[in-house]
Amino acid sequence: MKLSGPYRGIKYSVSDTGDGTWEWKLYPPITHGVVSNIVSGIVRGTEDDAIAAAERAIDDRLARTSN
């Protein structure tokens, strides 16, 4: 696992699964002592593809919470 970020204030990690895919996980900040749900996904490709997918997920998550 490689911890990356933060991107837009949210930490994330990417991990090589060893089968041509990468797993990414978002680690949202703890607010009021409560941990938000960890969001994750799998992407086929490179580490850069996984980083891009994680950052898109962060953008999507922040867009939903700002409306």
PDB file of N, CA and C in Angstrom:
ATOM      1  N   MET A   1       0.843  -1.171   0.000  1.00  0.00           N
ATOM      2  CA  MET A   1       0.000   0.000   0.000  1.00  0.00           C
ATOM      3  C   MET A   1       0.884   1.228   0.000  1.00  0.00           C
ATOM      4  N   LYS A   2       0.520   2.180  -0.832  1.00  0.00           N
ATOM      5  CA  LYS A   2       1.246   3.446  -0.905  1.00  0.00           C
ATOM      6  C   LYS A   2       0.270   4.552  -0.543  1.00  0.00           C
ATOM      7  N   LEU A   3       0.487   5.198   0.608  1.00  0.00           N
ATOM      8  CA  LEU A   3      -0.372   6.294   1.029  1.00  0.00           C
ATOM      9  C   LEU A   3      -0.026   7.512   0.195  1.00  0.00           C
ATOM     10  N   SER A   4      -1.030   8.116  -0.385  1.00  0.00           N
ATOM     11  CA  SER A   4      -0.841   9.274  -1.255  1.00  0.00           C
ATOM     12  C   SER A   4      -1.661  10.438  -0.739  1.00  0.00           C
ATOM     13  N   GLY A   5      -1.522  11.535  -1.414  1.00  0.00           N
ATOM     14  CA  GLY A   5      -2.313  12.699  -1.059  1.00  0.00           C
ATOM     15  C   GLY A   5      -1.708  13.454   0.099  1.00  0.00           C
ATOM     16  N   PRO A   6      -2.417  14.308   0.712  1.00  0.00           N
ATOM     17  CA  PRO A   6      -3.846  14.441   0.469  1.00  0.00           C
ATOM     18  C   PRO A   6      -4.136  15.161  -0.850  1.00  0.00           C
ATOM     19  N   TYR A   7      -5.282  14.877  -1.373  1.00  0.00           N
ATOM     20  CA  TYR A   7      -5.815  15.561  -2.544  1.00  0.00           C
ATOM     21  C   TYR A   7      -7.101  16.228  -2.085  1.00  0.00           C
ATOM     22  N   ARG A   8      -7.157  17.531  -2.206  1.00  0.00           N
ATOM     23  CA  ARG A   8      -8.306  18.315  -1.758  1.00  0.00           C
ATOM     24  C   ARG A   8      -8.658  18.008  -0.301  1.00  0.00           C
ATOM     25  N   GLY A   9      -7.615  17.758   0.496  1.00  0.00           N
ATOM     26  CA  GLY A   9      -7.790  17.543   1.927  1.00  0.00           C
ATOM     27  C   GLY A   9      -8.133  16.120   2.336  1.00  0.00           C
ATOM     28  N   ILE A  10      -8.178  15.201   1.395  1.00  0.00           N
ATOM     29  CA  ILE A  10      -8.536  13.806   1.697  1.00  0.00           C
ATOM     30  C   ILE A  10      -7.357  12.902   1.344  1.00  0.00           C
ATOM     31  N   LYS A  11      -6.937  12.090   2.303  1.00  0.00           N
ATOM     32  CA  LYS A  11      -5.858  11.127   2.054  1.00  0.00           C
ATOM     33  C   LYS A  11      -6.412   9.923   1.317  1.00  0.00           C
ATOM     34  N   TYR A  12      -5.527   9.271   0.559  1.00  0.00           N
ATOM     35  CA  TYR A  12      -5.917   8.047  -0.143  1.00  0.00           C
ATOM     36  C   TYR A  12      -4.702   7.159  -0.310  1.00  0.00           C
ATOM     37  N   SER A  13      -4.970   5.897  -0.629  1.00  0.00           N
ATOM     38  CA  SER A  13      -3.878   4.960  -0.891  1.00  0.00           C
ATOM     39  C   SER A  13      -4.165   4.219  -2.176  1.00  0.00           C
ATOM     40  N   VAL A  14      -3.093   3.719  -2.787  1.00  0.00           N
ATOM     41  CA  VAL A  14      -3.206   2.821  -3.936  1.00  0.00           C
ATOM     42  C   VAL A  14      -2.339   1.601  -3.662  1.00  0.00           C
ATOM     43  N   SER A  15      -2.828   0.440  -4.069  1.00  0.00           N
ATOM     44  CA  SER A  15      -2.106  -0.816  -3.842  1.00  0.00           C
ATOM     45  C   SER A  15      -2.147  -1.671  -5.092  1.00  0.00           C
ATOM     46  N   ASP A  16      -1.012  -2.225  -5.463  1.00  0.00           N
ATOM     47  CA  ASP A  16      -0.923  -3.168  -6.575  1.00  0.00           C
ATOM     48  C   ASP A  16      -1.462  -4.504  -6.092  1.00  0.00           C
ATOM     49  N   THR A  17      -2.481  -5.029  -6.764  1.00  0.00           N
ATOM     50  CA  THR A  17      -3.067  -6.305  -6.359  1.00  0.00           C
ATOM     51  C   THR A  17      -2.302  -7.496  -6.924  1.00  0.00           C
ATOM     52  N   GLY A  18      -1.400  -7.224  -7.879  1.00  0.00           N
ATOM     53  CA  GLY A  18      -0.584  -8.289  -8.434  1.00  0.00           C
ATOM     54  C   GLY A  18      -1.204  -9.025  -9.605  1.00  0.00           C
ATOM     55  N   ASP A  19      -2.405  -8.612  -9.994  1.00  0.00           N
ATOM     56  CA  ASP A  19      -3.060  -9.295 -11.115  1.00  0.00           C
ATOM     57  C   ASP A  19      -3.417  -8.334 -12.249  1.00  0.00           C
ATOM     58  N   GLY A  20      -2.680  -7.225 -12.325  1.00  0.00           N
ATOM     59  CA  GLY A  20      -2.949  -6.241 -13.371  1.00  0.00           C
ATOM     60  C   GLY A  20      -3.958  -5.185 -12.966  1.00  0.00           C
ATOM     61  N   THR A  21      -4.403  -5.247 -11.724  1.00  0.00           N
ATOM     62  CA  THR A  21      -5.311  -4.225 -11.236  1.00  0.00           C
ATOM     63  C   THR A  21      -4.710  -3.538 -10.013  1.00  0.00           C
ATOM     64  N   TRP A  22      -5.249  -2.383  -9.702  1.00  0.00           N
ATOM     65  CA  TRP A  22      -4.829  -1.605  -8.540  1.00  0.00           C
ATOM     66  C   TRP A  22      -6.064  -1.280  -7.715  1.00  0.00           C
ATOM     67  N   GLU A  23      -5.923  -1.338  -6.406  1.00  0.00           N
ATOM     68  CA  GLU A  23      -7.012  -0.946  -5.515  1.00  0.00           C
ATOM     69  C   GLU A  23      -6.694   0.440  -4.969  1.00  0.00           C
ATOM     70  N   TRP A  24      -7.707   1.292  -4.917  1.00  0.00           N
ATOM     71  CA  TRP A  24      -7.548   2.598  -4.291  1.00  0.00           C
ATOM     72  C   TRP A  24      -8.547   2.703  -3.144  1.00  0.00           C
ATOM     73  N   LYS A  25      -8.170   3.451  -2.114  1.00  0.00           N
ATOM     74  CA  LYS A  25      -9.037   3.675  -0.951  1.00  0.00           C
ATOM     75  C   LYS A  25      -8.926   5.127  -0.529  1.00  0.00           C
ATOM     76  N   LEU A  26     -10.073   5.713  -0.191  1.00  0.00           N
ATOM     77  CA  LEU A  26     -10.109   7.066   0.344  1.00  0.00           C
ATOM     78  C   LEU A  26     -10.238   6.988   1.850  1.00  0.00           C
ATOM     79  N   TYR A  27      -9.547   7.870   2.528  1.00  0.00           N
ATOM     80  CA  TYR A  27      -9.595   7.939   3.990  1.00  0.00           C
ATOM     81  C   TYR A  27     -10.090   9.332   4.381  1.00  0.00           C
ATOM     82  N   PRO A  28     -11.411   9.511   4.413  1.00  0.00           N
ATOM     83  CA  PRO A  28     -11.953  10.832   4.747  1.00  0.00           C
ATOM     84  C   PRO A  28     -11.562  11.244   6.160  1.00  0.00           C
ATOM     85  N   PRO A  29     -11.536  12.554   6.401  1.00  0.00           N
ATOM     86  CA  PRO A  29     -11.173  13.017   7.736  1.00  0.00           C
ATOM     87  C   PRO A  29     -12.210  12.602   8.783  1.00  0.00           C
ATOM     88  N   ILE A  30     -11.758  12.507  10.009  1.00  0.00           N
ATOM     89  CA  ILE A  30     -12.652  12.201  11.125  1.00  0.00           C
ATOM     90  C   ILE A  30     -13.305  13.505  11.564  1.00  0.00           C
ATOM     91  N   THR A  31     -14.620  13.507  11.638  1.00  0.00           N
ATOM     92  CA  THR A  31     -15.327  14.705  12.087  1.00  0.00           C
ATOM     93  C   THR A  31     -16.165  14.370  13.304  1.00  0.00           C
ATOM     94  N   HIS A  32     -16.032  15.162  14.330  1.00  0.00           N
ATOM     95  CA  HIS A  32     -16.784  14.980  15.577  1.00  0.00           C
ATOM     96  C   HIS A  32     -16.609  13.577  16.140  1.00  0.00           C
ATOM     97  N   GLY A  33     -15.402  13.024  15.998  1.00  0.00           N
ATOM     98  CA  GLY A  33     -15.111  11.707  16.542  1.00  0.00           C
ATOM     99  C   GLY A  33     -15.684  10.553  15.744  1.00  0.00           C
ATOM    100  N   VAL A  34     -16.258  10.839  14.583  1.00  0.00           N
ATOM    101  CA  VAL A  34     -16.870   9.801  13.756  1.00  0.00           C
ATOM    102  C   VAL A  34     -16.071   9.646  12.473  1.00  0.00           C
ATOM    103  N   VAL A  35     -15.724   8.417  12.149  1.00  0.00           N
ATOM    104  CA  VAL A  35     -15.002   8.130  10.907  1.00  0.00           C
ATOM    105  C   VAL A  35     -16.018   7.927   9.802  1.00  0.00           C
ATOM    106  N   SER A  36     -15.874   8.683   8.716  1.00  0.00           N
ATOM    107  CA  SER A  36     -16.745   8.484   7.565  1.00  0.00           C
ATOM    108  C   SER A  36     -16.432   7.139   6.925  1.00  0.00           C
ATOM    109  N   ASN A  37     -17.331   6.657   6.113  1.00  0.00           N
ATOM    110  CA  ASN A  37     -17.090   5.392   5.411  1.00  0.00           C
ATOM    111  C   ASN A  37     -15.873   5.499   4.516  1.00  0.00           C
ATOM    112  N   ILE A  38     -15.039   4.469   4.544  1.00  0.00           N
ATOM    113  CA  ILE A  38     -13.908   4.397   3.628  1.00  0.00           C
ATOM    114  C   ILE A  38     -14.451   3.949   2.280  1.00  0.00           C
ATOM    115  N   VAL A  39     -14.145   4.700   1.254  1.00  0.00           N
ATOM    116  CA  VAL A  39     -14.592   4.400  -0.100  1.00  0.00           C
ATOM    117  C   VAL A  39     -13.427   3.764  -0.827  1.00  0.00           C
ATOM    118  N   SER A  40     -13.692   2.725  -1.634  1.00  0.00           N
ATOM    119  CA  SER A  40     -12.605   2.070  -2.354  1.00  0.00           C
ATOM    120  C   SER A  40     -13.085   1.594  -3.717  1.00  0.00           C
ATOM    121  N   GLY A  41     -12.127   1.219  -4.534  1.00  0.00           N
ATOM    122  CA  GLY A  41     -12.438   0.698  -5.852  1.00  0.00           C
ATOM    123  C   GLY A  41     -11.239  -0.017  -6.443  1.00  0.00           C
ATOM    124  N   ILE A  42     -11.475  -0.659  -7.566  1.00  0.00           N
ATOM    125  CA  ILE A  42     -10.438  -1.403  -8.295  1.00  0.00           C
ATOM    126  C   ILE A  42     -10.377  -0.840  -9.713  1.00  0.00           C
ATOM    127  N   VAL A  43      -9.168  -0.663 -10.214  1.00  0.00           N
ATOM    128  CA  VAL A  43      -8.999  -0.183 -11.585  1.00  0.00           C
ATOM    129  C   VAL A  43      -7.931  -1.035 -12.271  1.00  0.00           C
ATOM    130  N   ARG A  44      -8.165  -1.363 -13.526  1.00  0.00           N
ATOM    131  CA  ARG A  44      -7.172  -2.080 -14.319  1.00  0.00           C
ATOM    132  C   ARG A  44      -6.240  -1.053 -14.932  1.00  0.00           C
ATOM    133  N   GLY A  45      -4.945  -1.314 -14.877  1.00  0.00           N
ATOM    134  CA  GLY A  45      -3.984  -0.404 -15.488  1.00  0.00           C
ATOM    135  C   GLY A  45      -2.770  -0.194 -14.619  1.00  0.00           C
ATOM    136  N   THR A  46      -2.359   1.062 -14.530  1.00  0.00           N
ATOM    137  CA  THR A  46      -1.123   1.419 -13.847  1.00  0.00           C
ATOM    138  C   THR A  46      -1.417   2.123 -12.521  1.00  0.00           C
ATOM    139  N   GLU A  47      -0.356   2.375 -11.782  1.00  0.00           N
ATOM    140  CA  GLU A  47      -0.489   3.137 -10.539  1.00  0.00           C
ATOM    141  C   GLU A  47      -1.079   4.517 -10.829  1.00  0.00           C
ATOM    142  N   ASP A  48      -0.654   5.131 -11.918  1.00  0.00           N
ATOM    143  CA  ASP A  48      -1.196   6.444 -12.291  1.00  0.00           C
ATOM    144  C   ASP A  48      -2.694   6.378 -12.552  1.00  0.00           C
ATOM    145  N   ASP A  49      -3.167   5.275 -13.145  1.00  0.00           N
ATOM    146  CA  ASP A  49      -4.604   5.088 -13.368  1.00  0.00           C
ATOM    147  C   ASP A  49      -5.348   5.009 -12.039  1.00  0.00           C
ATOM    148  N   ALA A  50      -4.746   4.325 -11.065  1.00  0.00           N
ATOM    149  CA  ALA A  50      -5.365   4.195  -9.740  1.00  0.00           C
ATOM    150  C   ALA A  50      -5.405   5.542  -9.034  1.00  0.00           C
ATOM    151  N   ILE A  51      -4.335   6.312  -9.148  1.00  0.00           N
ATOM    152  CA  ILE A  51      -4.303   7.645  -8.545  1.00  0.00           C
ATOM    153  C   ILE A  51      -5.376   8.524  -9.174  1.00  0.00           C
ATOM    154  N   ALA A  52      -5.491   8.484 -10.484  1.00  0.00           N
ATOM    155  CA  ALA A  52      -6.508   9.282 -11.176  1.00  0.00           C
ATOM    156  C   ALA A  52      -7.915   8.867 -10.739  1.00  0.00           C
ATOM    157  N   ALA A  53      -8.150   7.562 -10.591  1.00  0.00           N
ATOM    158  CA  ALA A  53      -9.463   7.076 -10.163  1.00  0.00           C
ATOM    159  C   ALA A  53      -9.783   7.542  -8.748  1.00  0.00           C
ATOM    160  N   ALA A  54      -8.800   7.491  -7.855  1.00  0.00           N
ATOM    161  CA  ALA A  54      -9.004   7.948  -6.482  1.00  0.00           C
ATOM    162  C   ALA A  54      -9.314   9.435  -6.457  1.00  0.00           C
ATOM    163  N   GLU A  55      -8.594  10.214  -7.233  1.00  0.00           N
ATOM    164  CA  GLU A  55      -8.819  11.655  -7.242  1.00  0.00           C
ATOM    165  C   GLU A  55     -10.162  12.005  -7.872  1.00  0.00           C
ATOM    166  N   ARG A  56     -10.612  11.243  -8.875  1.00  0.00           N
ATOM    167  CA  ARG A  56     -11.956  11.443  -9.439  1.00  0.00           C
ATOM    168  C   ARG A  56     -13.021  11.140  -8.387  1.00  0.00           C
ATOM    169  N   ALA A  57     -12.799  10.069  -7.615  1.00  0.00           N
ATOM    170  CA  ALA A  57     -13.754   9.707  -6.565  1.00  0.00           C
ATOM    171  C   ALA A  57     -13.828  10.808  -5.507  1.00  0.00           C
ATOM    172  N   ILE A  58     -12.700  11.413  -5.185  1.00  0.00           N
ATOM    173  CA  ILE A  58     -12.689  12.526  -4.234  1.00  0.00           C
ATOM    174  C   ILE A  58     -13.470  13.703  -4.808  1.00  0.00           C
ATOM    175  N   ASP A  59     -13.207  14.038  -6.067  1.00  0.00           N
ATOM    176  CA  ASP A  59     -13.938  15.136  -6.708  1.00  0.00           C
ATOM    177  C   ASP A  59     -15.444  14.861  -6.693  1.00  0.00           C
ATOM    178  N   ASP A  60     -15.838  13.639  -7.042  1.00  0.00           N
ATOM    179  CA  ASP A  60     -17.259  13.268  -7.052  1.00  0.00           C
ATOM    180  C   ASP A  60     -17.872  13.385  -5.670  1.00  0.00           C
ATOM    181  N   ARG A  61     -17.166  12.893  -4.682  1.00  0.00           N
ATOM    182  CA  ARG A  61     -17.658  12.917  -3.297  1.00  0.00           C
ATOM    183  C   ARG A  61     -17.844  14.366  -2.815  1.00  0.00           C
ATOM    184  N   LEU A  62     -16.854  15.211  -3.097  1.00  0.00           N
ATOM    185  CA  LEU A  62     -16.950  16.604  -2.673  1.00  0.00           C
ATOM    186  C   LEU A  62     -18.047  17.350  -3.437  1.00  0.00           C
ATOM    187  N   ALA A  63     -18.245  17.020  -4.698  1.00  0.00           N
ATOM    188  CA  ALA A  63     -19.308  17.650  -5.479  1.00  0.00           C
ATOM    189  C   ALA A  63     -20.682  17.293  -4.920  1.00  0.00           C
ATOM    190  N   ARG A  64     -20.856  16.049  -4.493  1.00  0.00           N
ATOM    191  CA  ARG A  64     -22.140  15.616  -3.915  1.00  0.00           C
ATOM    192  C   ARG A  64     -22.416  16.295  -2.583  1.00  0.00           C
ATOM    193  N   THR A  65     -21.382  16.496  -1.778  1.00  0.00           N
ATOM    194  CA  THR A  65     -21.591  17.083  -0.451  1.00  0.00           C
ATOM    195  C   THR A  65     -21.721  18.599  -0.494  1.00  0.00           C
ATOM    196  N   SER A  66     -21.330  19.229  -1.602  1.00  0.00           N
ATOM    197  CA  SER A  66     -21.419  20.689  -1.682  1.00  0.00           C
ATOM    198  C   SER A  66     -22.765  21.154  -2.220  1.00  0.00           C
ATOM    199  N   ASN A  67     -23.561  20.235  -2.723  1.00  0.00           N
ATOM    200  CA  ASN A  67     -24.885  20.611  -3.287  1.00  0.00           C
ATOM    201  C   ASN A  67     -25.960  20.557  -2.241  1.00  0.00           C
TER     202      ASN A  67
END
